[in-house]
Amino acid sequence: MRKTKIAILLLSACVVSAVASAQDTARSSETTGAWHWFGSCEDTRNLSLVVLLDGKAVYRSRFPVCRTNGPTPTAEERKIVFHFKGGHIFQGEYRTLPTQTIEANIWQAGAHPDALLLGVTFVSDRVLLNTIHVAKPDNTSVSQLDRGIVVRTFPSTRK
């Protein structure tokens, strides 16, 4: 009987410890969360985005980011779309003509506690490039997506 009581006490202590640990993890995740763009949060920051083609900016933008435990918006819900002239070779094999219009799409591809994952696609009559840029909301992030194509994100101080 005494061994049974001790076993029950040990089991109870393990269960209480596991529950407390799970609650601490949940609380911690609520205060940190993962980075999302265009969210509605109390502590919203702005992130600037610049897309460079052969050293020249073809697109500039600024958007709000914040940490939240909410779902990641899908590309259909929220994406950045812009266009620029062709005349570039993508991935060393997809040649575009200067008369072509290239469509660029940027969307939130994933969320992480330290970064925002942005999907980046360039399309004309086919997909020319489809990749990811890792944007760190607290620091400048630079990705060379292809020869001559650079994406740069950085915290924006303008409101």
Protein backbone atom coordinates (compact mmCIF):
# COMPACT_ATOMS: atom_id res chain seq x y z
CA MET A 1 0.00 0.00 0.00
CA ARG A 2 2.78 2.38 0.90
CA LYS A 3 4.54 1.70 -2.45
CA THR A 4 1.28 2.47 -4.26
CA LYS A 5 0.94 5.85 -2.47
CA ILE A 6 4.52 6.75 -3.32
CA ALA A 7 3.97 5.77 -6.96
CA ILE A 8 0.79 7.89 -7.10
CA LEU A 9 2.61 10.87 -5.55
CA LEU A 10 5.49 10.55 -8.04
CA LEU A 11 3.09 10.23 -10.97
CA SER A 12 1.11 13.26 -9.77
CA ALA A 13 4.32 15.30 -9.44
CA CYS A 14 5.31 14.36 -12.99
CA VAL A 15 1.90 15.32 -14.38
CA VAL A 16 1.87 18.66 -12.53
CA SER A 17 5.40 19.38 -13.74
CA ALA A 18 4.48 18.55 -17.35
CA VAL A 19 1.36 20.75 -17.24
CA ALA A 20 3.30 23.67 -15.73
CA SER A 21 5.97 23.31 -18.39
CA ALA A 22 3.36 23.30 -21.19
CA GLN A 23 1.73 26.43 -19.72
CA ASP A 24 5.11 28.21 -19.56
CA THR A 25 5.79 27.29 -23.20
CA ALA A 26 2.35 28.58 -24.27
CA ARG A 27 2.85 31.82 -22.32
CA SER A 28 6.31 32.28 -23.84
CA SER A 29 4.98 31.69 -27.36
CA GLU A 30 2.24 34.30 -26.78
CA THR A 31 4.78 36.95 -25.84
CA THR A 32 7.16 36.15 -28.70
CA GLY A 33 5.14 34.54 -31.49
CA ALA A 34 6.28 34.53 -35.10
CA TRP A 35 6.72 37.49 -37.44
CA HIS A 36 3.84 38.29 -39.80
CA TRP A 37 3.24 41.13 -42.21
CA PHE A 38 0.19 43.37 -42.48
CA GLY A 39 -1.06 42.09 -39.11
CA SER A 40 -3.05 43.89 -36.47
CA CYS A 41 -0.88 43.92 -33.37
CA GLU A 42 -0.11 46.21 -30.47
CA ASP A 43 3.63 46.36 -31.23
CA THR A 44 3.67 46.94 -34.99
CA ARG A 45 6.91 47.89 -36.73
CA ASN A 46 7.58 48.91 -40.31
CA LEU A 47 9.86 47.00 -42.64
CA SER A 48 11.20 48.55 -45.84
CA LEU A 49 11.72 46.49 -48.99
CA VAL A 50 13.84 47.35 -52.02
CA VAL A 51 14.22 45.18 -55.13
CA LEU A 52 17.29 45.96 -57.22
CA LEU A 53 17.90 44.90 -60.81
CA ASP A 54 21.47 45.43 -61.97
CA GLY A 55 22.00 47.89 -59.12
CA LYS A 56 18.90 50.02 -59.85
CA ALA A 57 15.78 49.99 -57.69
CA VAL A 58 12.80 48.62 -59.61
CA TYR A 59 10.54 48.55 -56.55
CA ARG A 60 10.38 50.13 -53.08
CA SER A 61 7.80 49.57 -50.38
CA ARG A 62 7.19 49.72 -46.65
CA PHE A 63 4.80 47.49 -44.73
CA PRO A 64 3.86 46.74 -41.11
CA VAL A 65 5.20 43.64 -39.36
CA CYS A 66 4.55 42.27 -35.89
CA ARG A 67 4.87 39.15 -33.79
CA THR A 68 1.71 37.15 -33.41
CA ASN A 69 0.52 33.59 -33.07
CA GLY A 70 -2.05 34.09 -35.82
CA PRO A 71 -2.04 32.18 -39.10
CA THR A 72 0.26 33.18 -41.93
CA PRO A 73 -1.64 35.12 -44.61
CA THR A 74 -1.81 33.24 -47.90
CA ALA A 75 -0.53 34.73 -51.16
CA GLU A 76 -4.14 35.19 -52.27
CA GLU A 77 -4.95 37.16 -49.12
CA ARG A 78 -2.02 39.55 -49.27
CA LYS A 79 0.75 39.95 -51.82
CA ILE A 80 2.83 42.66 -53.40
CA VAL A 81 2.72 42.78 -57.20
CA PHE A 82 4.81 45.04 -59.43
CA HIS A 83 6.12 45.04 -63.01
CA PHE A 84 9.34 45.98 -64.76
CA LYS A 85 10.84 45.71 -68.25
CA GLY A 86 12.56 42.54 -69.42
CA GLY A 87 15.99 42.27 -70.97
CA HIS A 88 17.41 40.10 -68.20
CA ILE A 89 18.48 36.44 -68.16
CA PHE A 90 17.02 34.56 -65.21
CA GLN A 91 18.81 31.56 -63.69
CA GLY A 92 21.29 31.63 -66.55
CA GLU A 93 18.76 30.19 -69.01
CA TYR A 94 15.48 32.13 -69.15
CA ARG A 95 16.16 35.05 -71.48
CA THR A 96 13.65 37.91 -71.55
CA LEU A 97 13.37 40.60 -74.18
CA PRO A 98 13.47 44.33 -73.37
CA THR A 99 9.94 44.55 -74.85
CA GLN A 100 8.57 42.01 -72.34
CA THR A 101 6.97 42.97 -69.06
CA ILE A 102 8.08 40.94 -66.04
CA GLU A 103 5.61 40.52 -63.19
CA ALA A 104 7.03 40.20 -59.68
CA ASN A 105 5.05 38.75 -56.78
CA ILE A 106 6.12 38.91 -53.14
CA TRP A 107 4.12 37.24 -50.39
CA GLN A 108 4.58 35.89 -46.89
CA ALA A 109 5.75 32.33 -47.38
CA GLY A 110 6.37 31.54 -43.72
CA ALA A 111 6.68 32.86 -40.20
CA HIS A 112 9.47 32.37 -37.70
CA PRO A 113 10.23 33.89 -34.25
CA ASP A 114 13.33 35.59 -35.68
CA ALA A 115 12.36 36.31 -39.28
CA LEU A 116 9.68 36.76 -41.89
CA LEU A 117 9.98 34.45 -44.90
CA LEU A 118 9.04 36.20 -48.13
CA GLY A 119 8.32 34.24 -51.28
CA VAL A 120 9.55 36.00 -54.42
CA THR A 121 8.49 35.03 -57.95
CA PHE A 122 9.27 36.60 -61.33
CA VAL A 123 6.99 35.61 -64.21
CA SER A 124 6.56 36.46 -67.90
CA ASP A 125 5.22 33.73 -70.18
CA ARG A 126 6.63 31.24 -67.63
CA VAL A 127 7.99 31.22 -64.10
CA LEU A 128 11.47 32.74 -64.40
CA LEU A 129 12.48 32.54 -60.75
CA ASN A 130 10.75 31.35 -57.57
CA THR A 131 12.65 31.68 -54.30
CA ILE A 132 12.65 32.89 -50.67
CA HIS A 133 14.04 36.02 -49.01
CA VAL A 134 14.60 35.83 -45.24
CA ALA A 135 13.67 39.24 -43.79
CA LYS A 136 14.86 40.00 -40.26
CA PRO A 137 12.67 42.75 -38.79
CA ASP A 138 15.43 43.99 -36.45
CA ASN A 139 18.29 44.04 -39.00
CA THR A 140 19.09 44.63 -42.63
CA SER A 141 18.72 41.47 -44.73
CA VAL A 142 20.13 41.18 -48.25
CA SER A 143 19.51 38.28 -50.64
CA GLN A 144 21.05 37.95 -54.08
CA LEU A 145 18.25 35.99 -55.71
CA ASP A 146 19.90 35.66 -59.10
CA ARG A 147 22.66 37.35 -61.05
CA GLY A 148 21.91 41.08 -60.84
CA ILE A 149 18.73 40.65 -58.71
CA VAL A 150 18.93 41.68 -55.06
CA VAL A 151 16.22 42.01 -52.41
CA ARG A 152 16.99 44.15 -49.39
CA THR A 153 14.79 44.56 -46.32
CA PHE A 154 15.51 46.74 -43.30
CA PRO A 155 13.70 48.26 -40.31
CA SER A 156 12.02 51.51 -41.24
CA THR A 157 12.16 54.43 -38.83
CA ARG A 158 9.53 56.46 -40.69
CA LYS A 159 5.98 56.16 -39.37
